[in-house]
Each structure stands twice: as structure tokens, then as C-alpha cells.
C-alpha atoms as a PDB file:
ATOM      1  CA  MET A   1       0.062 -98.674 -82.061  1.00  0.00           C
ATOM      2  CA  ALA A   2      -1.873 -95.394 -82.369  1.00  0.00           C
ATOM      3  CA  LYS A   3      -1.898 -93.586 -85.686  1.00  0.00           C
ATOM      4  CA  THR A   4      -0.238 -90.184 -85.439  1.00  0.00           C
ATOM      5  CA  GLU A   5      -2.011 -87.601 -87.534  1.00  0.00           C
ATOM      6  CA  LYS A   6       0.106 -84.805 -88.941  1.00  0.00           C
ATOM      7  CA  SER A   7      -0.730 -81.226 -88.124  1.00  0.00           C
ATOM      8  CA  PHE A   8      -2.172 -78.774 -90.617  1.00  0.00           C
ATOM      9  CA  GLU A   9       1.178 -76.979 -90.733  1.00  0.00           C
ATOM     10  CA  GLU A  10       3.076 -80.210 -91.403  1.00  0.00           C
ATOM     11  CA  ASN A  11       0.667 -81.062 -94.218  1.00  0.00           C
ATOM     12  CA  VAL A  12       1.066 -77.614 -95.783  1.00  0.00           C
ATOM     13  CA  ALA A  13       4.859 -77.884 -95.560  1.00  0.00           C
ATOM     14  CA  ARG A  14       4.737 -81.263 -97.314  1.00  0.00           C
ATOM     15  CA  LEU A  15       2.427 -79.805 -99.970  1.00  0.00           C
ATOM     16  CA  GLU A  16       4.981 -77.069-100.607  1.00  0.00           C
ATOM     17  CA  GLU A  17       7.690 -79.717-101.041  1.00  0.00           C
ATOM     18  CA  ILE A  18       5.495 -81.620-103.495  1.00  0.00           C
ATOM     19  CA  VAL A  19       4.706 -78.497-105.534  1.00  0.00           C
ATOM     20  CA  THR A  20       8.411 -77.624-105.712  1.00  0.00           C
ATOM     21  CA  ALA A  21       9.290 -81.132-106.852  1.00  0.00           C
ATOM     22  CA  LEU A  22       6.550 -81.165-109.491  1.00  0.00           C
ATOM     23  CA  GLU A  23       7.463 -77.682-110.742  1.00  0.00           C
ATOM     24  CA  LYS A  24      11.047 -78.807-111.358  1.00  0.00           C
ATOM     25  CA  GLY A  25       9.697 -81.229-113.925  1.00  0.00           C
ATOM     26  CA  ASP A  26      12.609 -83.640-113.673  1.00  0.00           C
ATOM     27  CA  ALA A  27      10.809 -86.451-111.822  1.00  0.00           C
ATOM     28  CA  ARG A  28       9.869 -89.636-113.613  1.00  0.00           C
ATOM     29  CA  LEU A  29       6.222 -89.962-114.607  1.00  0.00           C
ATOM     30  CA  ALA A  30       5.497 -92.632-111.991  1.00  0.00           C
ATOM     31  CA  ASP A  31       7.078 -90.474-109.285  1.00  0.00           C
ATOM     32  CA  SER A  32       5.136 -87.417-110.443  1.00  0.00           C
ATOM     33  CA  LEU A  33       1.874 -89.348-110.292  1.00  0.00           C
ATOM     34  CA  ARG A  34       2.684 -90.591-106.807  1.00  0.00           C
ATOM     35  CA  LEU A  35       3.474 -87.043-105.666  1.00  0.00           C
ATOM     36  CA  PHE A  36       0.281 -85.730-107.248  1.00  0.00           C
ATOM     37  CA  GLU A  37      -1.797 -88.397-105.474  1.00  0.00           C
ATOM     38  CA  GLU A  38      -0.102 -87.622-102.165  1.00  0.00           C
ATOM     39  CA  GLY A  39      -0.731 -83.920-102.723  1.00  0.00           C
ATOM     40  CA  THR A  40      -4.427 -84.372-103.445  1.00  0.00           C
ATOM     41  CA  ALA A  41      -4.778 -86.489-100.288  1.00  0.00           C
ATOM     42  CA  LEU A  42      -3.044 -83.759 -98.275  1.00  0.00           C
ATOM     43  CA  VAL A  43      -5.335 -81.087 -99.728  1.00  0.00           C
ATOM     44  CA  THR A  44      -8.357 -83.170 -98.724  1.00  0.00           C
ATOM     45  CA  ALA A  45      -6.959 -83.601 -95.206  1.00  0.00           C
ATOM     46  CA  CYS A  46      -6.236 -79.862 -94.892  1.00  0.00           C
ATOM     47  CA  GLU A  47      -9.735 -78.959 -96.075  1.00  0.00           C
ATOM     48  CA  ALA A  48     -11.227 -81.283 -93.458  1.00  0.00           C
ATOM     49  CA  MET A  49      -9.065 -79.694 -90.747  1.00  0.00           C
ATOM     50  CA  LEU A  50     -10.115 -76.202 -91.810  1.00  0.00           C
ATOM     51  CA  ASP A  51     -13.790 -77.199 -91.846  1.00  0.00           C
ATOM     52  CA  GLU A  52     -13.462 -78.658 -88.345  1.00  0.00           C
ATOM     53  CA  ALA A  53     -11.707 -75.521 -87.093  1.00  0.00           C
ATOM     54  CA  GLU A  54     -14.420 -73.321 -88.611  1.00  0.00           C
ATOM     55  CA  GLN A  55     -17.124 -75.352 -86.864  1.00  0.00           C
ATOM     56  CA  LYS A  56     -15.311 -74.940 -83.533  1.00  0.00           C
ATOM     57  CA  VAL A  57     -14.976 -71.188 -84.013  1.00  0.00           C
ATOM     58  CA  VAL A  58     -18.679 -70.884 -84.785  1.00  0.00           C
ATOM     59  CA  LYS A  59     -19.511 -72.866 -81.639  1.00  0.00           C
ATOM     60  CA  LEU A  60     -17.166 -70.769 -79.508  1.00  0.00           C
ATOM     61  CA  ALA A  61     -18.193 -67.341 -80.797  1.00  0.00           C
ATOM     62  CA  LYS A  62     -20.166 -65.469 -78.173  1.00  0.00           C
ATOM     63  CA  GLY A  63     -22.196 -62.295 -78.298  1.00  0.00           C
ATOM     64  CA  ALA A  64     -21.985 -59.312 -75.971  1.00  0.00           C
ATOM     65  CA  ASP A  65     -24.350 -60.986 -73.499  1.00  0.00           C
ATOM     66  CA  GLY A  66     -22.252 -64.166 -73.414  1.00  0.00           C
ATOM     67  CA  THR A  67     -24.630 -66.276 -75.461  1.00  0.00           C
ATOM     68  CA  PRO A  68     -23.272 -68.070 -78.518  1.00  0.00           C
ATOM     69  CA  VAL A  69     -23.626 -66.152 -81.752  1.00  0.00           C
ATOM     70  CA  GLU A  70     -23.260 -67.772 -85.132  1.00  0.00           C
ATOM     71  CA  SER A  71     -21.914 -65.408 -87.738  1.00  0.00           C
ATOM     72  CA  GLY A  72     -19.926 -65.607 -90.924  1.00  0.00           C
ATOM     73  CA  PHE A  73     -16.225 -64.969 -91.154  1.00  0.00           C
ATOM     74  CA  THR A  74     -15.025 -61.659 -92.483  1.00  0.00           C
ATOM     75  CA  GLY A  75     -13.264 -61.944 -95.785  1.00  0.00           C
ATOM     76  CA  GLU A  76     -15.229 -64.973 -96.950  1.00  0.00           C
ATOM     77  CA  ALA A  77     -15.353 -65.401-100.691  1.00  0.00           C
ATOM     78  CA  GLU A  78     -18.613 -64.144-102.109  1.00  0.00           C
ATOM     79  CA  GLY A  79     -21.115 -66.694-103.321  1.00  0.00           C
ATOM     80  CA  ASN A  80     -19.740 -69.700-101.481  1.00  0.00           C
ATOM     81  CA  GLY A  81     -23.131 -70.492 -99.959  1.00  0.00           C
ATOM     82  CA  ARG A  82     -22.154 -70.086 -96.299  1.00  0.00           C
END
């Protein structure tokens, strides 16, 4: 059986659910820890998806003459080393 990977949007929606549940503060400690662990795993997965998407955009960007051009994204945070 093939593993079905959730989309970025599904992961973000689940993260929002987790944050809401943790912000309520009424979950048991064990449940809160489980939610926190799930949330950190989702953040890691989302970061990997964003990195992969950025690499694809860089590969697909083309200059005026049709040749690939590698350039930074507008609005990047200053000092992030990219």
C-alpha cells in the first residue's frame, strides 16, 4: 500500500488545529506533548515542501532570452544567507 503524503495546505490546516487546541490549555499534559510533537513534525514537513518548491522555481525561472536565470525572491528576509 502506497503512503499518501498530505499536501502543504492540509499540513498547515492541521497545524492551525493543533495551535488552537494548545492555546485552549485544557488538554492533559500527555495530550499536549503529543500535539506539540505532531506540530513540530508538521513544521519540518512544511519547511521541506517550501524548500523543494523554491528549488523548482529557481530552476524554472527564465530570463528575457529564454535561458534560466537564478535570482532571489523579492521580500526575502534580510540576512538569511540566500
